[in-house]
Structure formats: C-alpha cells, structure tokens
PDB file of N, CA and C in Angstrom:
ATOM      1  N   MET A   1       1.000 -21.999   4.131  1.00  0.00           N
ATOM      2  CA  MET A   1       1.199 -20.295   4.102  1.00  0.00           C
ATOM      3  C   MET A   1       0.445 -19.934   4.473  1.00  0.00           C
ATOM      4  N   ARG A   2       1.103 -18.847   5.201  1.00  0.00           N
ATOM      5  CA  ARG A   2       0.119 -17.406   5.946  1.00  0.00           C
ATOM      6  C   ARG A   2      -0.083 -16.266   5.084  1.00  0.00           C
ATOM      7  N   GLU A   3      -1.160 -16.010   5.551  1.00  0.00           N
ATOM      8  CA  GLU A   3      -1.271 -14.463   5.132  1.00  0.00           C
ATOM      9  C   GLU A   3      -1.646 -13.491   5.152  1.00  0.00           C
ATOM     10  N   VAL A   4      -1.891 -12.389   4.792  1.00  0.00           N
ATOM     11  CA  VAL A   4      -2.797 -11.433   5.686  1.00  0.00           C
ATOM     12  C   VAL A   4      -3.978 -10.303   4.519  1.00  0.00           C
ATOM     13  N   ARG A   5      -4.779 -10.304   4.778  1.00  0.00           N
ATOM     14  CA  ARG A   5      -5.474  -9.513   3.877  1.00  0.00           C
ATOM     15  C   ARG A   5      -5.858  -8.663   3.891  1.00  0.00           C
ATOM     16  N   PHE A   6      -5.978  -7.376   3.598  1.00  0.00           N
ATOM     17  CA  PHE A   6      -6.981  -6.357   4.360  1.00  0.00           C
ATOM     18  C   PHE A   6      -7.150  -5.125   2.287  1.00  0.00           C
ATOM     19  N   ILE A   7      -7.901  -4.092   2.942  1.00  0.00           N
ATOM     20  CA  ILE A   7      -8.668  -3.265   1.905  1.00  0.00           C
ATOM     21  C   ILE A   7      -8.562  -1.555   2.820  1.00  0.00           C
ATOM     22  N   VAL A   8      -8.116  -0.854   1.755  1.00  0.00           N
ATOM     23  CA  VAL A   8      -8.157   0.328   2.275  1.00  0.00           C
ATOM     24  C   VAL A   8      -8.929   1.412   1.541  1.00  0.00           C
ATOM     25  N   HIS A   9     -10.021   1.784   1.998  1.00  0.00           N
ATOM     26  CA  HIS A   9     -11.266   2.017   1.170  1.00  0.00           C
ATOM     27  C   HIS A   9     -10.884   3.636   0.310  1.00  0.00           C
ATOM     28  N   GLY A  10     -10.892   3.993  -0.839  1.00  0.00           N
ATOM     29  CA  GLY A  10     -11.656   5.474  -0.651  1.00  0.00           C
ATOM     30  C   GLY A  10      -9.804   5.150  -1.955  1.00  0.00           C
ATOM     31  N   ASN A  11      -9.870   6.545  -3.079  1.00  0.00           N
ATOM     32  CA  ASN A  11      -9.081   6.618  -4.023  1.00  0.00           C
ATOM     33  C   ASN A  11      -7.818   6.461  -3.543  1.00  0.00           C
ATOM     34  N   PRO A  12      -6.689   5.204  -4.418  1.00  0.00           N
ATOM     35  CA  PRO A  12      -5.674   5.472  -3.873  1.00  0.00           C
ATOM     36  C   PRO A  12      -5.047   6.595  -4.851  1.00  0.00           C
ATOM     37  N   ILE A  13      -3.640   7.038  -3.528  1.00  0.00           N
ATOM     38  CA  ILE A  13      -3.148   7.711  -3.745  1.00  0.00           C
ATOM     39  C   ILE A  13      -1.782   8.034  -4.486  1.00  0.00           C
ATOM     40  N   SER A  14      -1.262   7.902  -5.685  1.00  0.00           N
ATOM     41  CA  SER A  14       0.031   7.639  -6.250  1.00  0.00           C
ATOM     42  C   SER A  14       0.843   8.748  -5.870  1.00  0.00           C
ATOM     43  N   PRO A  15       2.561   8.408  -5.351  1.00  0.00           N
ATOM     44  CA  PRO A  15       3.501   9.180  -5.639  1.00  0.00           C
ATOM     45  C   PRO A  15       3.666  10.394  -6.329  1.00  0.00           C
ATOM     46  N   ALA A  16       3.146  10.141  -7.247  1.00  0.00           N
ATOM     47  CA  ALA A  16       2.887  11.495  -8.068  1.00  0.00           C
ATOM     48  C   ALA A  16       2.408  12.597  -8.136  1.00  0.00           C
ATOM     49  N   THR A  17       1.228  12.228  -7.037  1.00  0.00           N
ATOM     50  CA  THR A  17      -0.064  13.920  -6.834  1.00  0.00           C
ATOM     51  C   THR A  17       0.236  13.691  -5.368  1.00  0.00           C
ATOM     52  N   GLY A  18       0.939  12.828  -5.012  1.00  0.00           N
ATOM     53  CA  GLY A  18       1.297  13.431  -3.386  1.00  0.00           C
ATOM     54  C   GLY A  18       2.837  14.098  -2.588  1.00  0.00           C
ATOM     55  N   TYR A  19       3.298  14.427  -3.655  1.00  0.00           N
ATOM     56  CA  TYR A  19       4.130  15.921  -3.043  1.00  0.00           C
ATOM     57  C   TYR A  19       3.675  16.979  -3.819  1.00  0.00           C
ATOM     58  N   LYS A  20       3.782  18.021  -3.505  1.00  0.00           N
ATOM     59  CA  LYS A  20       4.013  19.274  -3.557  1.00  0.00           C
ATOM     60  C   LYS A  20       5.356  19.744  -3.339  1.00  0.00           C
ATOM     61  N   ASP A  21       6.028  20.485  -4.553  1.00  0.00           N
ATOM     62  CA  ASP A  21       7.226  21.216  -4.311  1.00  0.00           C
ATOM     63  C   ASP A  21       7.452  22.435  -4.036  1.00  0.00           C
ATOM     64  N   TYR A  22       8.028  23.429  -2.742  1.00  0.00           N
ATOM     65  CA  TYR A  22       8.248  24.593  -2.274  1.00  0.00           C
ATOM     66  C   TYR A  22       9.514  24.758  -2.302  1.00  0.00           C
ATOM     67  N   ASN A  23      10.079  25.812  -2.541  1.00  0.00           N
ATOM     68  CA  ASN A  23      11.292  26.646  -2.956  1.00  0.00           C
ATOM     69  C   ASN A  23      12.535  25.052  -2.829  1.00  0.00           C
ATOM     70  N   LYS A  24      12.412  24.666  -3.506  1.00  0.00           N
ATOM     71  CA  LYS A  24      12.499  23.393  -4.332  1.00  0.00           C
ATOM     72  C   LYS A  24      13.290  22.262  -3.282  1.00  0.00           C
ATOM     73  N   PHE A  25      12.059  21.912  -2.240  1.00  0.00           N
ATOM     74  CA  PHE A  25      12.057  21.265  -1.525  1.00  0.00           C
ATOM     75  C   PHE A  25      10.562  19.974  -1.702  1.00  0.00           C
ATOM     76  N   GLN A  26      10.606  19.101  -1.411  1.00  0.00           N
ATOM     77  CA  GLN A  26       9.321  18.171  -1.743  1.00  0.00           C
ATOM     78  C   GLN A  26       8.570  17.935  -0.905  1.00  0.00           C
ATOM     79  N   TYR A  27       7.180  18.556  -0.451  1.00  0.00           N
ATOM     80  CA  TYR A  27       6.690  17.946   1.129  1.00  0.00           C
ATOM     81  C   TYR A  27       4.961  17.083   0.388  1.00  0.00           C
ATOM     82  N   GLU A  28       5.339  16.038   1.638  1.00  0.00           N
ATOM     83  CA  GLU A  28       3.617  15.565   1.431  1.00  0.00           C
ATOM     84  C   GLU A  28       2.538  16.389   1.412  1.00  0.00           C
ATOM     85  N   THR A  29       1.498  15.561   0.125  1.00  0.00           N
ATOM     86  CA  THR A  29       0.598  16.549   0.927  1.00  0.00           C
ATOM     87  C   THR A  29      -0.347  15.974   1.915  1.00  0.00           C
ATOM     88  N   GLU A  30      -1.104  16.912   2.578  1.00  0.00           N
ATOM     89  CA  GLU A  30      -2.200  16.102   4.207  1.00  0.00           C
ATOM     90  C   GLU A  30      -2.698  14.661   3.069  1.00  0.00           C
ATOM     91  N   ILE A  31      -3.864  14.978   2.066  1.00  0.00           N
ATOM     92  CA  ILE A  31      -4.157  13.762   1.205  1.00  0.00           C
ATOM     93  C   ILE A  31      -3.626  12.289   1.296  1.00  0.00           C
ATOM     94  N   PHE A  32      -2.001  12.734   0.918  1.00  0.00           N
ATOM     95  CA  PHE A  32      -1.149  11.482   0.940  1.00  0.00           C
ATOM     96  C   PHE A  32      -0.840  11.289   2.383  1.00  0.00           C
ATOM     97  N   ARG A  33      -0.009  12.155   2.795  1.00  0.00           N
ATOM     98  CA  ARG A  33      -0.333  11.861   4.574  1.00  0.00           C
ATOM     99  C   ARG A  33      -1.506  10.872   4.822  1.00  0.00           C
ATOM    100  N   GLN A  34      -1.972  10.811   5.246  1.00  0.00           N
ATOM    101  CA  GLN A  34      -3.872  10.076   5.468  1.00  0.00           C
ATOM    102  C   GLN A  34      -3.865   9.205   5.057  1.00  0.00           C
ATOM    103  N   TRP A  35      -3.524   8.668   3.590  1.00  0.00           N
ATOM    104  CA  TRP A  35      -3.467   7.792   2.767  1.00  0.00           C
ATOM    105  C   TRP A  35      -2.541   7.015   3.585  1.00  0.00           C
ATOM    106  N   LYS A  36      -1.433   6.467   3.232  1.00  0.00           N
ATOM    107  CA  LYS A  36       0.102   6.315   4.201  1.00  0.00           C
ATOM    108  C   LYS A  36      -0.536   6.117   5.044  1.00  0.00           C
ATOM    109  N   ALA A  37      -1.311   6.852   6.368  1.00  0.00           N
ATOM    110  CA  ALA A  37      -1.870   6.170   7.427  1.00  0.00           C
ATOM    111  C   ALA A  37      -3.109   5.135   7.272  1.00  0.00           C
ATOM    112  N   ALA A  38      -3.860   5.451   6.561  1.00  0.00           N
ATOM    113  CA  ALA A  38      -4.992   4.543   6.296  1.00  0.00           C
ATOM    114  C   ALA A  38      -3.968   2.922   5.878  1.00  0.00           C
ATOM    115  N   VAL A  39      -3.289   2.927   5.275  1.00  0.00           N
ATOM    116  CA  VAL A  39      -2.701   1.403   4.799  1.00  0.00           C
ATOM    117  C   VAL A  39      -1.936   0.906   5.729  1.00  0.00           C
ATOM    118  N   ALA A  40      -1.296   2.078   6.361  1.00  0.00           N
ATOM    119  CA  ALA A  40      -0.709   1.271   7.689  1.00  0.00           C
ATOM    120  C   ALA A  40      -1.214   1.236   9.456  1.00  0.00           C
ATOM    121  N   ALA A  41      -2.544   1.523   9.044  1.00  0.00           N
ATOM    122  CA  ALA A  41      -3.369   1.112  10.210  1.00  0.00           C
ATOM    123  C   ALA A  41      -4.222   0.092   9.818  1.00  0.00           C
ATOM    124  N   ALA A  42      -4.803  -0.033   8.207  1.00  0.00           N
ATOM    125  CA  ALA A  42      -5.310  -1.200   8.079  1.00  0.00           C
ATOM    126  C   ALA A  42      -3.922  -2.847   7.897  1.00  0.00           C
ATOM    127  N   ALA A  43      -2.815  -2.447   7.587  1.00  0.00           N
ATOM    128  CA  ALA A  43      -2.201  -3.310   7.664  1.00  0.00           C
ATOM    129  C   ALA A  43      -1.889  -3.991   9.320  1.00  0.00           C
ATOM    130  N   THR A  44      -1.747  -2.776  10.191  1.00  0.00           N
ATOM    131  CA  THR A  44      -1.212  -3.112  11.658  1.00  0.00           C
ATOM    132  C   THR A  44      -3.149  -3.822  12.293  1.00  0.00           C
ATOM    133  N   SER A  45      -3.540  -3.559  11.676  1.00  0.00           N
ATOM    134  CA  SER A  45      -5.121  -4.334  12.486  1.00  0.00           C
ATOM    135  C   SER A  45      -5.572  -6.307  11.802  1.00  0.00           C
ATOM    136  N   ALA A  46      -4.972  -6.305  10.628  1.00  0.00           N
ATOM    137  CA  ALA A  46      -4.895  -7.054  10.051  1.00  0.00           C
ATOM    138  C   ALA A  46      -4.097  -7.941  10.276  1.00  0.00           C
ATOM    139  N   TYR A  47      -2.873  -7.966  10.462  1.00  0.00           N
ATOM    140  CA  TYR A  47      -1.429  -9.041  10.997  1.00  0.00           C
ATOM    141  C   TYR A  47      -1.958  -8.572  12.248  1.00  0.00           C
ATOM    142  N   GLU A  48      -1.910 -10.487  12.454  1.00  0.00           N
ATOM    143  CA  GLU A  48      -2.306 -10.952  13.946  1.00  0.00           C
ATOM    144  C   GLU A  48      -0.699 -10.899  14.668  1.00  0.00           C
ATOM    145  N   SER A  49       0.340 -10.329  14.850  1.00  0.00           N
ATOM    146  CA  SER A  49       2.015 -10.221  15.834  1.00  0.00           C
ATOM    147  C   SER A  49       2.180  -8.934  15.399  1.00  0.00           C
ATOM    148  N   THR A  50       2.925  -8.794  16.695  1.00  0.00           N
ATOM    149  CA  THR A  50       3.198  -7.783  16.902  1.00  0.00           C
ATOM    150  C   THR A  50       4.686  -7.773  16.469  1.00  0.00           C
ATOM    151  N   VAL A  51       5.634  -9.185  16.646  1.00  0.00           N
ATOM    152  CA  VAL A  51       6.172  -8.891  15.835  1.00  0.00           C
ATOM    153  C   VAL A  51       6.343  -8.714  13.972  1.00  0.00           C
ATOM    154  N   PRO A  52       7.476  -8.121  13.619  1.00  0.00           N
ATOM    155  CA  PRO A  52       7.105  -8.550  11.912  1.00  0.00           C
ATOM    156  C   PRO A  52       8.095  -9.473  11.522  1.00  0.00           C
ATOM    157  N   TYR A  53       7.323  -9.916  10.627  1.00  0.00           N
ATOM    158  CA  TYR A  53       7.746 -11.347   9.400  1.00  0.00           C
ATOM    159  C   TYR A  53       9.410 -11.214   8.993  1.00  0.00           C
ATOM    160  N   ALA A  54      10.065 -11.866   9.562  1.00  0.00           N
ATOM    161  CA  ALA A  54      11.268 -12.082   9.208  1.00  0.00           C
ATOM    162  C   ALA A  54      11.962 -12.571   8.351  1.00  0.00           C
ATOM    163  N   LYS A  55      10.990 -13.399   7.000  1.00  0.00           N
ATOM    164  CA  LYS A  55      11.493 -14.267   6.371  1.00  0.00           C
ATOM    165  C   LYS A  55      10.873 -13.573   4.594  1.00  0.00           C
ATOM    166  N   SER A  56      11.224 -14.053   3.498  1.00  0.00           N
ATOM    167  CA  SER A  56      10.264 -13.903   2.301  1.00  0.00           C
ATOM    168  C   SER A  56       8.625 -13.979   2.457  1.00  0.00           C
ATOM    169  N   VAL A  57       8.724 -12.520   1.696  1.00  0.00           N
ATOM    170  CA  VAL A  57       6.954 -12.618   1.275  1.00  0.00           C
ATOM    171  C   VAL A  57       6.577 -12.203  -0.828  1.00  0.00           C
ATOM    172  N   LYS A  58       5.310 -12.562  -0.577  1.00  0.00           N
ATOM    173  CA  LYS A  58       4.856 -12.757  -1.560  1.00  0.00           C
ATOM    174  C   LYS A  58       3.932 -11.141  -1.264  1.00  0.00           C
ATOM    175  N   LEU A  59       3.576 -10.015  -2.508  1.00  0.00           N
ATOM    176  CA  LEU A  59       2.600  -9.212  -2.046  1.00  0.00           C
ATOM    177  C   LEU A  59       1.689  -9.154  -3.300  1.00  0.00           C
ATOM    178  N   GLN A  60       0.440  -8.880  -3.259  1.00  0.00           N
ATOM    179  CA  GLN A  60      -0.821  -8.668  -4.079  1.00  0.00           C
ATOM    180  C   GLN A  60      -1.410  -7.788  -4.238  1.00  0.00           C
ATOM    181  N   VAL A  61      -1.490  -6.518  -4.619  1.00  0.00           N
ATOM    182  CA  VAL A  61      -2.444  -5.726  -4.963  1.00  0.00           C
ATOM    183  C   VAL A  61      -3.271  -5.562  -5.893  1.00  0.00           C
ATOM    184  N   SER A  62      -4.747  -4.989  -5.573  1.00  0.00           N
ATOM    185  CA  SER A  62      -5.325  -4.811  -6.319  1.00  0.00           C
ATOM    186  C   SER A  62      -5.226  -2.604  -6.053  1.00  0.00           C
ATOM    187  N   PHE A  63      -5.273  -1.942  -7.086  1.00  0.00           N
ATOM    188  CA  PHE A  63      -5.715  -1.218  -7.833  1.00  0.00           C
ATOM    189  C   PHE A  63      -7.538  -0.373  -7.747  1.00  0.00           C
ATOM    190  N   TYR A  64      -8.380   0.194  -7.176  1.00  0.00           N
ATOM    191  CA  TYR A  64      -9.647   0.243  -7.962  1.00  0.00           C
ATOM    192  C   TYR A  64      -9.710   1.480  -8.239  1.00  0.00           C
ATOM    193  N   PHE A  65      -9.704   2.362  -9.441  1.00  0.00           N
ATOM    194  CA  PHE A  65      -9.370   3.809  -8.862  1.00  0.00           C
ATOM    195  C   PHE A  65     -10.589   4.305  -9.012  1.00  0.00           C
ATOM    196  N   ALA A  66     -11.154   5.838  -9.044  1.00  0.00           N
ATOM    197  CA  ALA A  66     -12.245   6.808  -9.079  1.00  0.00           C
ATOM    198  C   ALA A  66     -12.167   6.827 -10.729  1.00  0.00           C
ATOM    199  N   ASP A  67     -10.575   7.760 -11.221  1.00  0.00           N
ATOM    200  CA  ASP A  67     -10.890   7.659 -12.868  1.00  0.00           C
ATOM    201  C   ASP A  67      -9.702   7.413 -13.375  1.00  0.00           C
ATOM    202  N   SER A  68      -9.916   8.055 -14.517  1.00  0.00           N
ATOM    203  CA  SER A  68      -8.149   7.023 -15.404  1.00  0.00           C
ATOM    204  C   SER A  68      -7.205   8.122 -14.757  1.00  0.00           C
ATOM    205  N   ALA A  69      -7.165   9.208 -14.816  1.00  0.00           N
ATOM    206  CA  ALA A  69      -6.268  10.049 -14.428  1.00  0.00           C
ATOM    207  C   ALA A  69      -5.509   9.743 -13.216  1.00  0.00           C
ATOM    208  N   ASP A  70      -5.800   8.729 -12.269  1.00  0.00           N
ATOM    209  CA  ASP A  70      -5.479   8.607 -10.737  1.00  0.00           C
ATOM    210  C   ASP A  70      -4.318   7.154 -11.392  1.00  0.00           C
ATOM    211  N   THR A  71      -4.047   6.747 -11.943  1.00  0.00           N
ATOM    212  CA  THR A  71      -3.648   5.171 -12.586  1.00  0.00           C
ATOM    213  C   THR A  71      -2.101   4.926 -12.261  1.00  0.00           C
ATOM    214  N   ALA A  72      -1.374   6.385 -11.979  1.00  0.00           N
ATOM    215  CA  ALA A  72       0.297   6.097 -11.725  1.00  0.00           C
ATOM    216  C   ALA A  72       0.193   5.305 -10.479  1.00  0.00           C
ATOM    217  N   LEU A  73       0.277   3.525 -10.690  1.00  0.00           N
ATOM    218  CA  LEU A  73       0.377   2.849  -9.483  1.00  0.00           C
ATOM    219  C   LEU A  73       1.472   2.896  -8.126  1.00  0.00           C
ATOM    220  N   PRO A  74       0.155   3.322  -6.961  1.00  0.00           N
ATOM    221  CA  PRO A  74       1.294   3.471  -5.818  1.00  0.00           C
ATOM    222  C   PRO A  74       1.429   2.139  -5.409  1.00  0.00           C
ATOM    223  N   ILE A  75       2.478   1.290  -5.982  1.00  0.00           N
ATOM    224  CA  ILE A  75       2.930   0.818  -5.315  1.00  0.00           C
ATOM    225  C   ILE A  75       3.875   0.698  -4.274  1.00  0.00           C
ATOM    226  N   SER A  76       4.762   1.730  -4.315  1.00  0.00           N
ATOM    227  CA  SER A  76       5.944   2.124  -3.170  1.00  0.00           C
ATOM    228  C   SER A  76       4.913   2.207  -2.176  1.00  0.00           C
ATOM    229  N   VAL A  77       4.132   2.819  -2.067  1.00  0.00           N
ATOM    230  CA  VAL A  77       3.241   3.885  -1.057  1.00  0.00           C
ATOM    231  C   VAL A  77       2.858   2.145   0.197  1.00  0.00           C
ATOM    232  N   ILE A  78       2.217   1.441  -0.509  1.00  0.00           N
ATOM    233  CA  ILE A  78       2.047   0.142  -0.766  1.00  0.00           C
ATOM    234  C   ILE A  78       3.041  -0.620   0.295  1.00  0.00           C
ATOM    235  N   ARG A  79       4.438  -0.935  -0.278  1.00  0.00           N
ATOM    236  CA  ARG A  79       5.659  -1.792  -0.090  1.00  0.00           C
ATOM    237  C   ARG A  79       6.205  -0.808   1.363  1.00  0.00           C
ATOM    238  N   HIS A  80       6.095   0.329   1.005  1.00  0.00           N
ATOM    239  CA  HIS A  80       7.148   1.104   2.325  1.00  0.00           C
ATOM    240  C   HIS A  80       6.467   1.336   3.760  1.00  0.00           C
ATOM    241  N   SER A  81       4.916   1.185   3.736  1.00  0.00           N
ATOM    242  CA  SER A  81       3.891   1.722   4.991  1.00  0.00           C
ATOM    243  C   SER A  81       3.333   0.412   5.450  1.00  0.00           C
ATOM    244  N   MET A  82       3.975  -1.016   5.054  1.00  0.00           N
ATOM    245  CA  MET A  82       3.927  -1.881   5.637  1.00  0.00           C
ATOM    246  C   MET A  82       5.402  -2.782   6.552  1.00  0.00           C
ATOM    247  N   ASN A  83       6.272  -1.607   6.149  1.00  0.00           N
ATOM    248  CA  ASN A  83       7.828  -1.929   6.775  1.00  0.00           C
ATOM    249  C   ASN A  83       7.772  -1.568   8.503  1.00  0.00           C
ATOM    250  N   GLY A  84       7.670  -2.812   9.133  1.00  0.00           N
ATOM    251  CA  GLY A  84       7.794  -2.783  10.477  1.00  0.00           C
ATOM    252  C   GLY A  84       6.991  -3.140  11.317  1.00  0.00           C
ATOM    253  N   ILE A  85       5.719  -3.256   9.963  1.00  0.00           N
ATOM    254  CA  ILE A  85       4.085  -3.846  11.059  1.00  0.00           C
ATOM    255  C   ILE A  85       4.302  -5.610  10.126  1.00  0.00           C
ATOM    256  N   CYS A  86       4.411  -5.450   9.209  1.00  0.00           N
ATOM    257  CA  CYS A  86       4.538  -6.951   8.446  1.00  0.00           C
ATOM    258  C   CYS A  86       5.502  -7.755   8.480  1.00  0.00           C
ATOM    259  N   TYR A  87       6.154  -6.735   8.167  1.00  0.00           N
ATOM    260  CA  TYR A  87       7.796  -7.330   7.524  1.00  0.00           C
ATOM    261  C   TYR A  87       8.651  -6.371   8.107  1.00  0.00           C
ATOM    262  N   ILE A  88       9.624  -6.989   8.378  1.00  0.00           N
ATOM    263  CA  ILE A  88      10.772  -6.141   8.615  1.00  0.00           C
ATOM    264  C   ILE A  88      11.532  -5.004   7.795  1.00  0.00           C
ATOM    265  N   ASP A  89      11.238  -5.223   6.403  1.00  0.00           N
ATOM    266  CA  ASP A  89      11.242  -4.538   5.340  1.00  0.00           C
ATOM    267  C   ASP A  89      10.838  -5.177   4.421  1.00  0.00           C
ATOM    268  N   ASP A  90      10.735  -4.082   3.306  1.00  0.00           N
ATOM    269  CA  ASP A  90      10.256  -4.205   1.934  1.00  0.00           C
ATOM    270  C   ASP A  90      10.906  -4.472   1.009  1.00  0.00           C
ATOM    271  N   SER A  91      12.299  -5.176   1.203  1.00  0.00           N
ATOM    272  CA  SER A  91      13.063  -6.071   0.438  1.00  0.00           C
ATOM    273  C   SER A  91      13.196  -7.362   0.755  1.00  0.00           C
ATOM    274  N   GLN A  92      12.202  -7.632   0.927  1.00  0.00           N
ATOM    275  CA  GLN A  92      12.152  -9.107   1.648  1.00  0.00           C
ATOM    276  C   GLN A  92      11.188  -9.986   1.164  1.00  0.00           C
ATOM    277  N   ILE A  93      10.048  -8.309   0.091  1.00  0.00           N
ATOM    278  CA  ILE A  93       9.373  -8.956  -1.172  1.00  0.00           C
ATOM    279  C   ILE A  93       9.644  -9.507  -2.029  1.00  0.00           C
ATOM    280  N   VAL A  94       9.566 -10.998  -2.215  1.00  0.00           N
ATOM    281  CA  VAL A  94       9.883 -11.695  -3.610  1.00  0.00           C
ATOM    282  C   VAL A  94       9.448 -11.587  -4.687  1.00  0.00           C
ATOM    283  N   ARG A  95       7.880 -11.278  -4.921  1.00  0.00           N
ATOM    284  CA  ARG A  95       7.070 -11.375  -5.478  1.00  0.00           C
ATOM    285  C   ARG A  95       6.296 -10.246  -5.527  1.00  0.00           C
ATOM    286  N   ASP A  96       5.837  -9.447  -6.505  1.00  0.00           N
ATOM    287  CA  ASP A  96       5.135  -8.515  -6.274  1.00  0.00           C
ATOM    288  C   ASP A  96       4.285  -9.047  -7.904  1.00  0.00           C
ATOM    289  N   TYR A  97       2.503  -9.028  -7.576  1.00  0.00           N
ATOM    290  CA  TYR A  97       1.452  -8.774  -8.478  1.00  0.00           C
ATOM    291  C   TYR A  97       0.553  -7.655  -8.377  1.00  0.00           C
ATOM    292  N   ILE A  98       0.625  -6.858  -9.390  1.00  0.00           N
ATOM    293  CA  ILE A  98      -0.662  -5.589  -9.829  1.00  0.00           C
ATOM    294  C   ILE A  98      -1.269  -5.401 -10.629  1.00  0.00           C
ATOM    295  N   VAL A  99      -2.492  -5.265  -9.600  1.00  0.00           N
ATOM    296  CA  VAL A  99      -3.229  -4.978 -10.939  1.00  0.00           C
ATOM    297  C   VAL A  99      -4.176  -3.951 -10.439  1.00  0.00           C
ATOM    298  N   SER A 100      -4.541  -3.264 -11.679  1.00  0.00           N
ATOM    299  CA  SER A 100      -5.023  -2.122 -11.852  1.00  0.00           C
ATOM    300  C   SER A 100      -6.135  -2.031 -12.328  1.00  0.00           C
ATOM    301  N   SER A 101      -7.549  -1.175 -12.186  1.00  0.00           N
ATOM    302  CA  SER A 101      -8.821  -1.506 -13.185  1.00  0.00           C
ATOM    303  C   SER A 101      -9.119  -0.018 -12.123  1.00  0.00           C
ATOM    304  N   MET A 102     -10.554   0.345 -13.108  1.00  0.00           N
ATOM    305  CA  MET A 102     -11.786   1.088 -12.415  1.00  0.00           C
ATOM    306  C   MET A 102     -12.715   1.544 -11.626  1.00  0.00           C
ATOM    307  N   ASP A 103     -13.303   1.542 -11.050  1.00  0.00           N
ATOM    308  CA  ASP A 103     -14.593   1.202 -10.117  1.00  0.00           C
ATOM    309  C   ASP A 103     -14.958   2.495  -9.073  1.00  0.00           C
ATOM    310  N   ALA A 104     -15.444   3.750 -10.427  1.00  0.00           N
ATOM    311  CA  ALA A 104     -15.214   4.784  -9.586  1.00  0.00           C
ATOM    312  C   ALA A 104     -16.475   4.767  -8.713  1.00  0.00           C
ATOM    313  N   ASP A 105     -17.652   4.171  -8.700  1.00  0.00           N
ATOM    314  CA  ASP A 105     -18.322   3.969  -7.571  1.00  0.00           C
ATOM    315  C   ASP A 105     -17.682   3.669  -6.181  1.00  0.00           C
ATOM    316  N   ARG A 106     -16.714   2.386  -6.180  1.00  0.00           N
ATOM    317  CA  ARG A 106     -15.867   2.165  -4.882  1.00  0.00           C
ATOM    318  C   ARG A 106     -14.704   1.680  -5.280  1.00  0.00           C
ATOM    319  N   PRO A 107     -13.953   3.241  -5.367  1.00  0.00           N
ATOM    320  CA  PRO A 107     -12.406   2.820  -5.097  1.00  0.00           C
ATOM    321  C   PRO A 107     -11.699   2.707  -3.563  1.00  0.00           C
ATOM    322  N   ARG A 108     -10.790   1.701  -4.330  1.00  0.00           N
ATOM    323  CA  ARG A 108      -9.857   0.699  -3.322  1.00  0.00           C
ATOM    324  C   ARG A 108      -8.935   0.418  -3.394  1.00  0.00           C
ATOM    325  N   THR A 109      -8.032  -0.355  -2.766  1.00  0.00           N
ATOM    326  CA  THR A 109      -6.955  -1.057  -2.440  1.00  0.00           C
ATOM    327  C   THR A 109      -7.192  -2.244  -1.979  1.00  0.00           C
ATOM    328  N   GLU A 110      -6.970  -3.495  -2.504  1.00  0.00           N
ATOM    329  CA  GLU A 110      -7.080  -4.822  -1.849  1.00  0.00           C
ATOM    330  C   GLU A 110      -5.589  -5.496  -1.814  1.00  0.00           C
ATOM    331  N   VAL A 111      -5.120  -5.644  -0.930  1.00  0.00           N
ATOM    332  CA  VAL A 111      -3.410  -6.029  -0.426  1.00  0.00           C
ATOM    333  C   VAL A 111      -3.702  -7.698   0.285  1.00  0.00           C
ATOM    334  N   ARG A 112      -3.432  -8.428  -0.215  1.00  0.00           N
ATOM    335  CA  ARG A 112      -3.261  -9.911  -0.483  1.00  0.00           C
ATOM    336  C   ARG A 112      -1.227 -10.082   0.327  1.00  0.00           C
ATOM    337  N   LEU A 113      -0.924 -10.424   1.292  1.00  0.00           N
ATOM    338  CA  LEU A 113       0.455 -10.641   1.887  1.00  0.00           C
ATOM    339  C   LEU A 113       0.431 -11.910   2.258  1.00  0.00           C
ATOM    340  N   VAL A 114       1.521 -12.583   1.850  1.00  0.00           N
ATOM    341  CA  VAL A 114       1.403 -14.504   1.395  1.00  0.00           C
ATOM    342  C   VAL A 114       3.293 -13.854   2.468  1.00  0.00           C
ATOM    343  N   PHE A 115       3.249 -15.037   3.385  1.00  0.00           N
ATOM    344  CA  PHE A 115       3.861 -15.273   4.175  1.00  0.00           C
ATOM    345  C   PHE A 115       4.310 -16.843   3.576  1.00  0.00           C
ATOM    346  N   VAL A 116       5.784 -16.638   2.971  1.00  0.00           N
ATOM    347  CA  VAL A 116       6.550 -17.809   2.165  1.00  0.00           C
ATOM    348  C   VAL A 116       7.643 -17.856   3.107  1.00  0.00           C
ATOM    349  N   ASP A 117       7.437 -19.585   4.055  1.00  0.00           N
ATOM    350  CA  ASP A 117       8.055 -20.107   4.891  1.00  0.00           C
ATOM    351  C   ASP A 117       9.147 -20.961   4.361  1.00  0.00           C
TER     352      ASP A 117
END
C-alpha cells in the first residue's frame, strides 16, 4: 500500500472558530483561510502525483492543540483540503482514525493517508 504523510505546524483551527457572522452571513476568518491553505500546500508537497487518486483511502489524523479550549476537531477541514489533490473527493475515505492531544510547545496536525488498492 502506498501512503502520504505530512505535518501542518501551528494550532489546528476548527470550523467552529473559523467563521464569523456578519449580517446573517458567515465569513471565513483570515487565520482559518491561512490554515486551510497550509493543509492544502502540505498535501500538494507530499503527494507525488498531479492526478488525484481515484480509489478508496484511509485517513489517520493526529491533532496536537496548544490548549484545551481548541479541541473541537477540525477533521472536515483536513478532509476537504485534500479534495482534488490527494483524492478526487473525500467521499473516497473509507476509514478515519483521529487522535487529539495537547502539546503547548509544538501544536501541529500530523496526517497519514493510505491508498487502498
């Protein structure tokens, strides 16, 4: 089985804190946009092909938060940020394995994507 691994440094940003309401509309915050872009850039750098994988994948994500207030898991951000890069669509993910922990000194997100043949 082939796999891709990458790390996104910095505190993971959850969708719950990534949006602001304004006149009944939701807007992404700048820090949320930057974190989503960092995930996509890390995935692009780690994935060795320019063609997204078309079969099933397994996803393992370890979130290391700076403090306990941030632990709403941003798994949907990880899944969606790899659409069109590592796989065609996140509906190809057949299994998620998610771990959450604290690491105030080195907040980060570690991603492992296994391509199932």
